[in-house]
Amino acid sequence: MHPTVKPIALMRWLVRLITPPGGVVLDPFLGSGTTGIACALEGFDFVGIERDPEYVEVARARIEHWSEEES
């Protein structure tokens, strides 16, 4: 289960704060994909790991949606 909800704006700030230019962000607990969304919006490469197939699909859809919003 992933009951944590993180604001996208907060995660965008955090990935900018800790990721060097050209860096890759690793999220070993992908959940609903908020960190992946932040990386897509900030232009960072991203690797997400999730064991629950339902959450993988939720994260994939959310990241894709937000990536298209910024295009």
N, C-alpha and C. Protein backbone atom coordinates (compact mmCIF):
# COMPACT_ATOMS: atom_id res chain seq x y z
N MET A 1 0.82 -1.19 0.00
CA MET A 1 0.00 0.00 0.00
C MET A 1 0.87 1.25 0.00
N HIS A 2 0.34 2.31 -0.63
CA HIS A 2 1.04 3.58 -0.71
C HIS A 2 0.09 4.72 -0.37
N PRO A 3 -0.26 4.87 0.89
CA PRO A 3 -1.22 5.92 1.23
C PRO A 3 -0.64 7.33 1.24
N THR A 4 0.66 7.47 1.08
CA THR A 4 1.28 8.78 1.13
C THR A 4 0.97 9.57 -0.14
N VAL A 5 0.55 10.80 0.04
CA VAL A 5 0.32 11.70 -1.08
C VAL A 5 1.32 12.84 -0.95
N LYS A 6 2.16 12.97 -1.98
CA LYS A 6 3.17 14.03 -1.96
C LYS A 6 2.82 15.06 -3.03
N PRO A 7 2.87 16.33 -2.70
CA PRO A 7 2.60 17.36 -3.70
C PRO A 7 3.66 17.34 -4.82
N ILE A 8 3.20 17.45 -6.04
CA ILE A 8 4.13 17.46 -7.18
C ILE A 8 5.11 18.61 -7.06
N ALA A 9 4.65 19.77 -6.65
CA ALA A 9 5.56 20.93 -6.53
C ALA A 9 6.69 20.65 -5.54
N LEU A 10 6.38 19.99 -4.44
CA LEU A 10 7.41 19.64 -3.46
C LEU A 10 8.42 18.67 -4.07
N MET A 11 7.94 17.67 -4.77
CA MET A 11 8.85 16.69 -5.36
C MET A 11 9.69 17.31 -6.48
N ARG A 12 9.13 18.26 -7.21
CA ARG A 12 9.93 18.97 -8.23
C ARG A 12 11.09 19.70 -7.56
N TRP A 13 10.79 20.38 -6.46
CA TRP A 13 11.83 21.11 -5.74
C TRP A 13 12.89 20.14 -5.22
N LEU A 14 12.45 19.01 -4.65
CA LEU A 14 13.41 18.05 -4.10
C LEU A 14 14.30 17.45 -5.17
N VAL A 15 13.75 17.07 -6.33
CA VAL A 15 14.62 16.48 -7.35
C VAL A 15 15.59 17.51 -7.90
N ARG A 16 15.18 18.77 -8.00
CA ARG A 16 16.13 19.82 -8.41
C ARG A 16 17.22 20.02 -7.37
N LEU A 17 16.84 19.93 -6.10
CA LEU A 17 17.76 20.16 -4.99
C LEU A 17 18.85 19.09 -4.93
N ILE A 18 18.48 17.82 -5.13
CA ILE A 18 19.44 16.73 -4.88
C ILE A 18 20.02 16.08 -6.12
N THR A 19 19.50 16.39 -7.30
CA THR A 19 19.97 15.70 -8.50
C THR A 19 20.91 16.59 -9.30
N PRO A 20 22.12 16.11 -9.55
CA PRO A 20 23.05 16.92 -10.35
C PRO A 20 22.61 16.96 -11.81
N PRO A 21 23.08 17.95 -12.56
CA PRO A 21 22.75 18.00 -13.99
C PRO A 21 23.12 16.67 -14.66
N GLY A 22 22.21 16.14 -15.44
CA GLY A 22 22.44 14.87 -16.12
C GLY A 22 22.26 13.66 -15.23
N GLY A 23 21.85 13.88 -13.98
CA GLY A 23 21.69 12.79 -13.03
C GLY A 23 20.43 11.98 -13.27
N VAL A 24 20.38 10.83 -12.62
CA VAL A 24 19.22 9.94 -12.70
C VAL A 24 18.66 9.75 -11.29
N VAL A 25 17.35 9.87 -11.16
CA VAL A 25 16.68 9.70 -9.88
C VAL A 25 16.18 8.26 -9.77
N LEU A 26 16.46 7.62 -8.65
CA LEU A 26 15.98 6.28 -8.37
C LEU A 26 14.92 6.34 -7.27
N ASP A 27 13.74 5.82 -7.56
CA ASP A 27 12.67 5.73 -6.56
C ASP A 27 12.35 4.26 -6.36
N PRO A 28 12.83 3.65 -5.26
CA PRO A 28 12.62 2.22 -5.05
C PRO A 28 11.21 1.87 -4.58
N PHE A 29 10.38 2.87 -4.33
CA PHE A 29 9.00 2.66 -3.90
C PHE A 29 8.10 3.57 -4.73
N LEU A 30 7.89 3.23 -5.97
CA LEU A 30 7.25 4.10 -6.96
C LEU A 30 5.85 4.56 -6.56
N GLY A 31 5.05 3.68 -6.02
CA GLY A 31 3.70 4.07 -5.63
C GLY A 31 2.93 4.64 -6.80
N SER A 32 2.34 5.81 -6.62
CA SER A 32 1.53 6.42 -7.68
C SER A 32 2.34 7.28 -8.64
N GLY A 33 3.65 7.34 -8.45
CA GLY A 33 4.53 7.96 -9.44
C GLY A 33 4.80 9.45 -9.30
N THR A 34 4.56 10.04 -8.15
CA THR A 34 4.76 11.49 -8.01
C THR A 34 6.20 11.89 -8.27
N THR A 35 7.15 11.11 -7.79
CA THR A 35 8.56 11.43 -8.04
C THR A 35 8.87 11.34 -9.53
N GLY A 36 8.31 10.36 -10.20
CA GLY A 36 8.49 10.23 -11.65
C GLY A 36 7.91 11.41 -12.40
N ILE A 37 6.76 11.89 -11.95
CA ILE A 37 6.16 13.08 -12.56
C ILE A 37 7.09 14.27 -12.40
N ALA A 38 7.60 14.45 -11.18
CA ALA A 38 8.51 15.57 -10.93
C ALA A 38 9.74 15.49 -11.83
N CYS A 39 10.28 14.30 -11.99
CA CYS A 39 11.46 14.14 -12.85
C CYS A 39 11.13 14.46 -14.30
N ALA A 40 9.99 13.97 -14.77
CA ALA A 40 9.59 14.27 -16.16
C ALA A 40 9.45 15.77 -16.37
N LEU A 41 8.84 16.45 -15.41
CA LEU A 41 8.64 17.89 -15.55
C LEU A 41 9.93 18.68 -15.44
N GLU A 42 10.90 18.15 -14.70
CA GLU A 42 12.18 18.85 -14.51
C GLU A 42 13.26 18.40 -15.49
N GLY A 43 12.94 17.40 -16.31
CA GLY A 43 13.90 16.96 -17.33
C GLY A 43 14.96 15.99 -16.83
N PHE A 44 14.69 15.30 -15.73
CA PHE A 44 15.63 14.31 -15.21
C PHE A 44 15.21 12.91 -15.64
N ASP A 45 16.21 12.06 -15.89
CA ASP A 45 15.92 10.65 -16.11
C ASP A 45 15.49 10.04 -14.78
N PHE A 46 14.74 8.95 -14.86
CA PHE A 46 14.10 8.40 -13.68
C PHE A 46 13.97 6.89 -13.79
N VAL A 47 14.24 6.20 -12.68
CA VAL A 47 14.00 4.77 -12.58
C VAL A 47 13.11 4.55 -11.37
N GLY A 48 11.95 3.94 -11.60
CA GLY A 48 11.03 3.66 -10.51
C GLY A 48 10.85 2.16 -10.35
N ILE A 49 10.79 1.70 -9.12
CA ILE A 49 10.62 0.28 -8.82
C ILE A 49 9.34 0.13 -7.99
N GLU A 50 8.50 -0.79 -8.42
CA GLU A 50 7.24 -1.02 -7.70
C GLU A 50 6.86 -2.50 -7.85
N ARG A 51 6.49 -3.13 -6.76
CA ARG A 51 6.15 -4.56 -6.81
C ARG A 51 4.68 -4.82 -7.10
N ASP A 52 3.82 -3.82 -6.91
CA ASP A 52 2.39 -4.00 -7.13
C ASP A 52 2.04 -3.57 -8.56
N PRO A 53 1.63 -4.53 -9.40
CA PRO A 53 1.32 -4.20 -10.81
C PRO A 53 0.26 -3.12 -10.97
N GLU A 54 -0.70 -3.06 -10.04
CA GLU A 54 -1.73 -2.02 -10.14
C GLU A 54 -1.12 -0.63 -9.99
N TYR A 55 -0.19 -0.49 -9.05
CA TYR A 55 0.46 0.81 -8.87
C TYR A 55 1.37 1.15 -10.04
N VAL A 56 1.98 0.15 -10.65
CA VAL A 56 2.81 0.40 -11.83
C VAL A 56 1.96 1.06 -12.91
N GLU A 57 0.77 0.52 -13.14
CA GLU A 57 -0.11 1.09 -14.16
C GLU A 57 -0.59 2.49 -13.79
N VAL A 58 -0.91 2.70 -12.53
CA VAL A 58 -1.32 4.04 -12.07
C VAL A 58 -0.17 5.03 -12.30
N ALA A 59 1.02 4.66 -11.87
CA ALA A 59 2.19 5.54 -12.01
C ALA A 59 2.48 5.82 -13.48
N ARG A 60 2.45 4.78 -14.30
CA ARG A 60 2.73 4.97 -15.73
C ARG A 60 1.74 5.96 -16.35
N ALA A 61 0.48 5.80 -16.03
CA ALA A 61 -0.54 6.71 -16.59
C ALA A 61 -0.36 8.13 -16.10
N ARG A 62 -0.08 8.30 -14.81
CA ARG A 62 0.11 9.65 -14.26
C ARG A 62 1.34 10.33 -14.86
N ILE A 63 2.45 9.61 -14.95
CA ILE A 63 3.68 10.19 -15.49
C ILE A 63 3.47 10.57 -16.95
N GLU A 64 2.82 9.69 -17.71
CA GLU A 64 2.54 9.99 -19.12
C GLU A 64 1.65 11.22 -19.25
N HIS A 65 0.61 11.31 -18.44
CA HIS A 65 -0.29 12.46 -18.47
C HIS A 65 0.46 13.76 -18.21
N TRP A 66 1.25 13.80 -17.15
CA TRP A 66 1.96 15.03 -16.79
C TRP A 66 3.05 15.35 -17.80
N SER A 67 3.67 14.34 -18.39
CA SER A 67 4.68 14.59 -19.42
C SER A 67 4.06 15.26 -20.63
N GLU A 68 2.85 14.83 -20.99
CA GLU A 68 2.15 15.44 -22.12
C GLU A 68 1.67 16.85 -21.79
N GLU A 69 1.32 17.11 -20.54
CA GLU A 69 0.87 18.44 -20.12
C GLU A 69 1.97 19.48 -20.32
N GLU A 70 3.20 19.09 -20.09
CA GLU A 70 4.32 20.03 -20.20
C GLU A 70 4.79 20.22 -21.62
N SER A 71 4.39 19.34 -22.53
CA SER A 71 4.85 19.42 -23.92
C SER A 71 4.20 20.57 -24.66
